[in-house]
Amino acid sequence: MIIFFLFLKLGDYWISVTCFLYFIYIYFLYRLKRRSKHFLHLMSYWRSQRSLY
């Protein structure tokens, strides 16, 4: 969050938004690694649903 506000002060709006989204992406990857079994189950279910059509 501190880095986000620092970039915002510099005026590089898109760089700050990109960094902010990047940190959110890393956070969700961390959450998914903790629930990897559930995530893999969802992915296999989604693939089986796609293969039916």
N, C-alpha and C. Protein backbone atom coordinates (compact mmCIF):
# COMPACT_ATOMS: atom_id res chain seq x y z
N MET A 1 0.84 -1.21 0.00
CA MET A 1 0.00 0.00 0.00
C MET A 1 0.86 1.25 0.00
N ILE A 2 1.98 1.22 0.74
CA ILE A 2 2.88 2.37 0.81
C ILE A 2 3.49 2.65 -0.56
N ILE A 3 3.89 1.57 -1.26
CA ILE A 3 4.47 1.71 -2.59
C ILE A 3 3.44 2.30 -3.54
N PHE A 4 2.19 1.89 -3.39
CA PHE A 4 1.10 2.39 -4.23
C PHE A 4 0.94 3.90 -4.10
N PHE A 5 0.96 4.39 -2.86
CA PHE A 5 0.82 5.82 -2.63
C PHE A 5 2.04 6.60 -3.07
N LEU A 6 3.22 5.99 -2.97
CA LEU A 6 4.45 6.63 -3.44
C LEU A 6 4.40 6.84 -4.96
N PHE A 7 3.95 5.81 -5.69
CA PHE A 7 3.82 5.93 -7.14
C PHE A 7 2.75 6.94 -7.51
N LEU A 8 1.70 7.00 -6.70
CA LEU A 8 0.62 7.94 -6.95
C LEU A 8 1.11 9.37 -6.80
N LYS A 9 1.99 9.61 -5.82
CA LYS A 9 2.56 10.94 -5.61
C LYS A 9 3.48 11.34 -6.76
N LEU A 10 4.17 10.35 -7.31
CA LEU A 10 5.06 10.62 -8.44
C LEU A 10 4.28 10.97 -9.71
N GLY A 11 3.03 10.56 -9.76
CA GLY A 11 2.19 10.90 -10.90
C GLY A 11 2.07 9.77 -11.92
N ASP A 12 2.82 8.71 -11.73
CA ASP A 12 2.72 7.57 -12.63
C ASP A 12 1.53 6.72 -12.22
N TYR A 13 0.35 7.12 -12.68
CA TYR A 13 -0.89 6.49 -12.25
C TYR A 13 -0.97 5.03 -12.68
N TRP A 14 -0.62 4.77 -13.95
CA TRP A 14 -0.77 3.41 -14.46
C TRP A 14 0.23 2.45 -13.85
N ILE A 15 1.43 2.94 -13.52
CA ILE A 15 2.42 2.10 -12.85
C ILE A 15 1.92 1.71 -11.47
N SER A 16 1.32 2.66 -10.77
CA SER A 16 0.80 2.40 -9.43
C SER A 16 -0.35 1.39 -9.46
N VAL A 17 -1.23 1.54 -10.47
CA VAL A 17 -2.35 0.60 -10.61
C VAL A 17 -1.84 -0.79 -10.94
N THR A 18 -0.84 -0.86 -11.82
CA THR A 18 -0.27 -2.15 -12.20
C THR A 18 0.37 -2.84 -11.01
N CYS A 19 1.13 -2.09 -10.21
CA CYS A 19 1.77 -2.65 -9.02
C CYS A 19 0.72 -3.12 -8.02
N PHE A 20 -0.34 -2.33 -7.86
CA PHE A 20 -1.40 -2.68 -6.92
C PHE A 20 -2.09 -3.97 -7.32
N LEU A 21 -2.42 -4.10 -8.63
CA LEU A 21 -3.04 -5.32 -9.13
C LEU A 21 -2.10 -6.51 -9.03
N TYR A 22 -0.80 -6.24 -9.21
CA TYR A 22 0.20 -7.30 -9.12
C TYR A 22 0.29 -7.86 -7.70
N PHE A 23 0.20 -6.98 -6.69
CA PHE A 23 0.22 -7.44 -5.30
C PHE A 23 -1.04 -8.23 -4.97
N ILE A 24 -2.18 -7.81 -5.51
CA ILE A 24 -3.43 -8.55 -5.31
C ILE A 24 -3.32 -9.94 -5.93
N TYR A 25 -2.69 -9.99 -7.14
CA TYR A 25 -2.50 -11.26 -7.85
C TYR A 25 -1.63 -12.22 -7.04
N ILE A 26 -0.54 -11.72 -6.47
CA ILE A 26 0.35 -12.53 -5.63
C ILE A 26 -0.39 -13.02 -4.38
N TYR A 27 -1.22 -12.13 -3.80
CA TYR A 27 -1.99 -12.48 -2.60
C TYR A 27 -2.94 -13.64 -2.88
N PHE A 28 -3.64 -13.57 -4.03
CA PHE A 28 -4.58 -14.62 -4.38
C PHE A 28 -3.85 -15.92 -4.72
N LEU A 29 -2.66 -15.82 -5.33
CA LEU A 29 -1.87 -17.03 -5.59
C LEU A 29 -1.47 -17.69 -4.28
N TYR A 30 -1.11 -16.86 -3.28
CA TYR A 30 -0.75 -17.38 -1.96
C TYR A 30 -1.93 -18.08 -1.30
N ARG A 31 -3.12 -17.48 -1.45
CA ARG A 31 -4.33 -18.07 -0.88
C ARG A 31 -4.65 -19.39 -1.57
N LEU A 32 -4.46 -19.44 -2.91
CA LEU A 32 -4.76 -20.66 -3.66
C LEU A 32 -3.78 -21.78 -3.35
N LYS A 33 -2.53 -21.43 -3.05
CA LYS A 33 -1.57 -22.46 -2.69
C LYS A 33 -1.96 -23.14 -1.39
N ARG A 34 -2.56 -22.39 -0.48
CA ARG A 34 -3.01 -22.97 0.78
C ARG A 34 -4.23 -23.86 0.57
N ARG A 35 -5.02 -23.54 -0.44
CA ARG A 35 -6.21 -24.34 -0.76
C ARG A 35 -6.03 -25.01 -2.13
N SER A 36 -4.85 -25.52 -2.39
CA SER A 36 -4.52 -26.04 -3.71
C SER A 36 -5.40 -27.24 -4.08
N LYS A 37 -5.72 -28.07 -3.11
CA LYS A 37 -6.54 -29.25 -3.39
C LYS A 37 -7.92 -28.84 -3.88
N HIS A 38 -8.51 -27.87 -3.22
CA HIS A 38 -9.83 -27.39 -3.62
C HIS A 38 -9.77 -26.74 -5.00
N PHE A 39 -8.71 -25.97 -5.25
CA PHE A 39 -8.54 -25.29 -6.53
C PHE A 39 -8.36 -26.29 -7.67
N LEU A 40 -7.54 -27.32 -7.43
CA LEU A 40 -7.32 -28.34 -8.46
C LEU A 40 -8.60 -29.11 -8.75
N HIS A 41 -9.41 -29.33 -7.72
CA HIS A 41 -10.69 -30.00 -7.90
C HIS A 41 -11.61 -29.17 -8.79
N LEU A 42 -11.64 -27.86 -8.56
CA LEU A 42 -12.45 -26.97 -9.38
C LEU A 42 -11.97 -26.94 -10.82
N MET A 43 -10.65 -26.92 -11.02
CA MET A 43 -10.08 -26.89 -12.37
C MET A 43 -10.42 -28.17 -13.13
N SER A 44 -10.30 -29.31 -12.47
CA SER A 44 -10.61 -30.60 -13.12
C SER A 44 -12.11 -30.68 -13.44
N TYR A 45 -12.95 -30.13 -12.57
CA TYR A 45 -14.39 -30.11 -12.81
C TYR A 45 -14.72 -29.23 -14.00
N TRP A 46 -14.04 -28.04 -14.08
CA TRP A 46 -14.27 -27.11 -15.17
C TRP A 46 -13.84 -27.72 -16.51
N ARG A 47 -12.72 -28.43 -16.50
CA ARG A 47 -12.22 -29.08 -17.72
C ARG A 47 -13.17 -30.18 -18.18
N SER A 48 -13.72 -30.94 -17.23
CA SER A 48 -14.65 -32.01 -17.58
C SER A 48 -15.95 -31.43 -18.15
N GLN A 49 -16.37 -30.29 -17.61
CA GLN A 49 -17.56 -29.62 -18.12
C GLN A 49 -17.34 -29.10 -19.54
N ARG A 50 -16.13 -28.58 -19.80
CA ARG A 50 -15.81 -28.06 -21.14
C ARG A 50 -15.72 -29.18 -22.16
N SER A 51 -15.21 -30.34 -21.75
CA SER A 51 -15.02 -31.45 -22.68
C SER A 51 -16.37 -32.06 -23.11
N LEU A 52 -17.41 -31.85 -22.30
CA LEU A 52 -18.73 -32.38 -22.64
C LEU A 52 -19.32 -31.64 -23.84
N TYR A 53 -19.05 -30.36 -23.95
CA TYR A 53 -19.63 -29.56 -25.03
C TYR A 53 -18.80 -29.64 -26.30
